């Protein structure tokens, strides 16, 4: 179970880390990294605004995921499967709204 702890905490911290350059508007439009859809790739103004908005949410998702993974690790009686599913559930419940909110924001630009 410790391996999953390291994976989920590390994954959450990695998400938070990769959000920082997007938040600082340091990533140019590209097909590999960021909120990559045709609207953002076609217009740098939309790219930077949408990716900054998305990065704010991605930072929260990553930090909450890492904290949840750490906290759930010490939950009494939680099985390995239960731990893995709970961590995945936290990620999904946070990440999907981040995508939807960012998509809606992009459509307002």
Protein backbone atom coordinates (compact mmCIF):
# COMPACT_ATOMS: atom_id res chain seq x y z
CA UNK A 1 0.00 0.00 0.00
CA UNK A 2 2.99 2.28 0.53
CA UNK A 3 3.76 2.10 -3.18
CA UNK A 4 0.28 3.46 -3.95
CA UNK A 5 0.77 6.18 -1.36
CA UNK A 6 3.94 7.31 -3.12
CA UNK A 7 2.26 7.10 -6.51
CA UNK A 8 -0.82 9.08 -5.55
CA UNK A 9 1.00 11.70 -3.48
CA UNK A 10 3.68 11.99 -6.17
CA UNK A 11 1.08 12.19 -8.92
CA UNK A 12 -0.80 14.92 -7.10
CA UNK A 13 2.36 16.92 -6.50
CA UNK A 14 3.36 16.41 -10.13
CA UNK A 15 0.01 17.84 -11.28
CA UNK A 16 0.51 20.84 -9.01
CA UNK A 17 4.04 21.29 -10.33
CA UNK A 18 3.07 21.19 -14.01
CA UNK A 19 0.30 23.72 -13.32
CA UNK A 20 2.82 26.38 -12.29
CA UNK A 21 4.29 27.23 -15.74
CA UNK A 22 0.76 27.37 -17.18
CA UNK A 23 -0.32 29.64 -14.34
CA UNK A 24 2.65 31.93 -15.02
CA UNK A 25 1.79 31.97 -18.76
CA UNK A 26 5.23 30.56 -19.63
CA UNK A 27 3.98 27.81 -21.97
CA UNK A 28 3.41 28.81 -25.60
CA UNK A 29 0.64 27.16 -27.63
CA UNK A 30 1.74 23.62 -28.42
CA UNK A 31 0.16 20.23 -29.14
CA UNK A 32 1.71 18.49 -26.09
CA UNK A 33 1.20 20.43 -22.84
CA UNK A 34 -1.71 22.51 -21.62
CA UNK A 35 -5.41 22.79 -22.39
CA UNK A 36 -5.04 21.76 -26.02
CA UNK A 37 -8.11 22.15 -28.19
CA UNK A 38 -8.47 23.83 -31.57
CA UNK A 39 -9.71 27.12 -30.11
CA UNK A 40 -6.71 27.48 -27.78
CA UNK A 41 -4.19 26.34 -30.38
CA UNK A 42 -5.54 28.78 -32.98
CA UNK A 43 -5.50 31.93 -30.81
CA UNK A 44 -2.68 32.76 -28.37
CA UNK A 45 -4.95 35.12 -26.42
CA UNK A 46 -7.40 32.27 -25.77
CA UNK A 47 -4.52 29.86 -25.09
CA UNK A 48 -3.01 31.93 -22.29
CA UNK A 49 -6.30 32.90 -20.66
CA UNK A 50 -7.74 29.37 -20.75
CA UNK A 51 -4.55 27.70 -19.59
CA UNK A 52 -4.16 30.13 -16.70
CA UNK A 53 -7.74 29.41 -15.66
CA UNK A 54 -7.20 25.66 -16.02
CA UNK A 55 -3.88 25.79 -14.16
CA UNK A 56 -5.56 27.33 -11.12
CA UNK A 57 -7.89 24.34 -10.97
CA UNK A 58 -5.14 21.83 -11.77
CA UNK A 59 -3.06 23.19 -8.90
CA UNK A 60 -5.95 22.62 -6.49
CA UNK A 61 -6.64 19.15 -7.91
CA UNK A 62 -3.01 18.15 -7.46
CA UNK A 63 -2.66 19.45 -3.93
CA UNK A 64 -5.97 18.02 -2.75
CA UNK A 65 -5.14 14.67 -4.36
CA UNK A 66 -1.80 14.54 -2.55
CA UNK A 67 -3.38 15.47 0.78
CA UNK A 68 -6.24 13.02 0.32
CA UNK A 69 -3.84 10.20 -0.58
CA UNK A 70 -1.81 10.92 2.53
CA UNK A 71 -4.86 11.15 4.78
CA UNK A 72 -6.57 8.08 3.37
CA UNK A 73 -3.41 6.05 3.90
CA UNK A 74 -3.98 6.28 7.65
CA UNK A 75 -7.74 5.54 7.49
CA UNK A 76 -8.35 2.59 9.80
CA UNK A 77 -9.49 -0.61 8.12
CA UNK A 78 -9.19 0.71 4.55
CA UNK A 79 -8.18 -2.12 2.23
CA UNK A 80 -5.69 -1.77 -0.60
CA UNK A 81 -8.51 -1.78 -3.17
CA UNK A 82 -10.53 0.66 -1.10
CA UNK A 83 -7.55 2.99 -0.84
CA UNK A 84 -6.85 2.89 -4.56
CA UNK A 85 -10.50 3.50 -5.46
CA UNK A 86 -10.87 6.30 -2.91
CA UNK A 87 -7.80 8.10 -4.27
CA UNK A 88 -9.01 7.64 -7.82
CA UNK A 89 -12.44 8.89 -6.81
CA UNK A 90 -10.99 12.06 -5.30
CA UNK A 91 -9.08 12.71 -8.51
CA UNK A 92 -12.08 12.11 -10.79
CA UNK A 93 -14.46 14.19 -8.66
CA UNK A 94 -12.04 17.13 -8.82
CA UNK A 95 -10.54 16.78 -12.30
CA UNK A 96 -13.73 16.44 -14.34
CA UNK A 97 -15.23 19.70 -13.02
CA UNK A 98 -11.88 21.42 -13.66
CA UNK A 99 -12.06 20.36 -17.31
CA UNK A 100 -15.73 21.34 -17.68
CA UNK A 101 -15.22 24.72 -15.98
CA UNK A 102 -12.19 25.46 -18.15
CA UNK A 103 -14.08 24.49 -21.31
CA UNK A 104 -16.97 26.79 -20.35
CA UNK A 105 -14.56 29.59 -19.55
CA UNK A 106 -12.84 29.19 -22.91
CA UNK A 107 -16.21 29.49 -24.67
CA UNK A 108 -16.74 32.93 -23.06
CA UNK A 109 -13.54 34.30 -24.62
